[in-house]
């Protein structure tokens, strides 16, 4: 076996244009469906975790002092924790809507890939 030939072919593969097959298109479509829901969940969850943390700091009088600030801190903390608890159901709802929107395309593309694979296995 000629190792120089193998190395040359592997380097040449890196410079050849990539073929975008159906499987690649399917993965791309799947990512297109899931990305907006994930981005929303991360941003929404992070923002309201900070709100909850601010409320905890106010309640423990790390920020501010007095009974009024403690009551405000408890209220702010409860709002933050409540919204964080609602984050996952909202994420699921967004994801479900996007899955319904793209379901036909994904199923159709997956069916074509399966048919190609079956045809290759037979032939």
Protein backbone atom coordinates (compact mmCIF):
# COMPACT_ATOMS: atom_id res chain seq x y z
CA UNK A 1 0.00 0.00 0.00
CA UNK A 2 1.41 3.37 -0.98
CA UNK A 3 1.19 5.68 2.05
CA UNK A 4 2.08 8.75 0.02
CA UNK A 5 -0.95 8.13 -2.20
CA UNK A 6 -3.23 7.76 0.83
CA UNK A 7 -1.92 10.99 2.39
CA UNK A 8 -2.24 12.87 -0.91
CA UNK A 9 -5.85 11.69 -1.35
CA UNK A 10 -6.81 12.66 2.20
CA UNK A 11 -5.37 16.16 1.72
CA UNK A 12 -7.06 16.52 -1.67
CA UNK A 13 -10.44 15.57 -0.11
CA UNK A 14 -10.23 18.62 2.13
CA UNK A 15 -10.11 20.92 -0.89
CA UNK A 16 -12.82 19.30 -2.97
CA UNK A 17 -16.25 20.92 -2.86
CA UNK A 18 -18.51 19.17 -0.41
CA UNK A 19 -21.50 17.32 -1.78
CA UNK A 20 -24.61 18.29 0.06
CA UNK A 21 -26.68 15.14 0.05
CA UNK A 22 -30.14 14.56 1.33
CA UNK A 23 -28.92 13.48 4.76
CA UNK A 24 -27.07 16.78 5.14
CA UNK A 25 -30.23 18.63 4.07
CA UNK A 26 -32.25 16.66 6.63
CA UNK A 27 -29.84 17.54 9.45
CA UNK A 28 -29.89 21.18 8.37
CA UNK A 29 -33.68 21.24 8.37
CA UNK A 30 -33.78 19.60 11.81
CA UNK A 31 -31.44 22.28 13.14
CA UNK A 32 -33.60 24.97 11.53
CA UNK A 33 -36.60 23.64 13.44
CA UNK A 34 -34.93 23.38 16.86
CA UNK A 35 -32.62 26.42 16.95
CA UNK A 36 -35.19 29.21 17.57
CA UNK A 37 -36.78 27.34 20.48
CA UNK A 38 -33.39 26.69 22.06
CA UNK A 39 -32.24 30.28 21.65
CA UNK A 40 -35.46 31.52 23.21
CA UNK A 41 -35.17 29.10 26.15
CA UNK A 42 -31.54 30.00 26.85
CA UNK A 43 -32.09 33.76 26.69
CA UNK A 44 -35.40 33.73 28.56
CA UNK A 45 -34.08 31.39 31.25
CA UNK A 46 -30.85 33.33 31.70
CA UNK A 47 -32.61 36.68 31.94
CA UNK A 48 -35.09 35.54 34.55
CA UNK A 49 -32.46 33.64 36.52
CA UNK A 50 -30.75 37.00 36.89
CA UNK A 51 -34.07 38.51 38.02
CA UNK A 52 -34.46 35.73 40.60
CA UNK A 53 -30.89 36.24 41.79
CA UNK A 54 -31.46 39.97 42.14
CA UNK A 55 -34.54 39.25 44.20
CA UNK A 56 -32.55 36.92 46.45
CA UNK A 57 -29.86 39.56 46.92
CA UNK A 58 -32.50 42.12 47.87
CA UNK A 59 -34.25 39.69 50.23
CA UNK A 60 -31.00 38.79 52.00
CA UNK A 61 -30.07 42.48 52.09
CA UNK A 62 -26.87 42.03 50.13
CA UNK A 63 -28.20 44.90 48.02
CA UNK A 64 -30.08 47.56 49.96
CA UNK A 65 -31.30 47.36 53.52
CA UNK A 66 -34.55 47.55 55.43
CA UNK A 67 -37.78 45.64 55.58
CA UNK A 68 -39.17 47.28 52.45
CA UNK A 69 -36.23 46.12 50.32
CA UNK A 70 -36.58 42.61 51.75
CA UNK A 71 -40.28 42.47 50.78
CA UNK A 72 -39.48 43.83 47.31
CA UNK A 73 -36.69 41.24 47.02
CA UNK A 74 -39.03 38.40 47.88
CA UNK A 75 -41.55 39.62 45.30
CA UNK A 76 -38.88 40.02 42.59
CA UNK A 77 -37.43 36.61 43.44
CA UNK A 78 -40.82 34.93 43.21
CA UNK A 79 -41.44 36.53 39.82
CA UNK A 80 -38.03 35.33 38.60
CA UNK A 81 -38.54 31.78 39.85
CA UNK A 82 -42.08 31.60 38.48
CA UNK A 83 -41.04 32.71 35.02
CA UNK A 84 -38.09 30.28 35.09
CA UNK A 85 -40.50 27.48 35.92
CA UNK A 86 -42.68 28.42 32.94
CA UNK A 87 -39.68 28.52 30.58
CA UNK A 88 -39.69 24.80 29.74
CA UNK A 89 -43.40 24.59 28.83
CA UNK A 90 -42.98 27.65 26.60
CA UNK A 91 -39.94 26.02 24.97
CA UNK A 92 -41.93 22.83 24.33
CA UNK A 93 -44.79 24.84 22.82
CA UNK A 94 -42.48 26.75 20.46
CA UNK A 95 -40.74 23.52 19.46
CA UNK A 96 -44.06 21.76 18.84
CA UNK A 97 -45.32 24.59 16.62
CA UNK A 98 -42.12 24.53 14.56
CA UNK A 99 -42.24 20.74 14.28
CA UNK A 100 -45.80 20.96 12.98
CA UNK A 101 -44.74 23.62 10.49
CA UNK A 102 -41.84 21.58 9.04
CA UNK A 103 -43.16 18.04 9.64
CA UNK A 104 -44.15 17.37 6.04
CA UNK A 105 -40.77 18.42 4.61
CA UNK A 106 -38.78 16.43 7.17
CA UNK A 107 -40.87 13.27 6.82
CA UNK A 108 -40.76 13.47 3.03
CA UNK A 109 -36.99 13.94 2.98
CA UNK A 110 -36.47 11.12 5.49
CA UNK A 111 -38.68 8.84 3.38
CA UNK A 112 -36.58 9.57 0.28
CA UNK A 113 -33.37 8.83 2.17
CA UNK A 114 -34.79 5.52 3.40
CA UNK A 115 -35.90 4.58 -0.12
CA UNK A 116 -32.43 5.37 -1.50
CA UNK A 117 -30.81 3.29 1.24
CA UNK A 118 -33.14 0.37 0.57
CA UNK A 119 -32.52 0.59 -3.19
CA UNK A 120 -28.74 0.61 -2.64
CA UNK A 121 -28.98 -2.40 -0.32
CA UNK A 122 -30.99 -4.39 -2.86
CA UNK A 123 -28.92 -3.36 -5.88
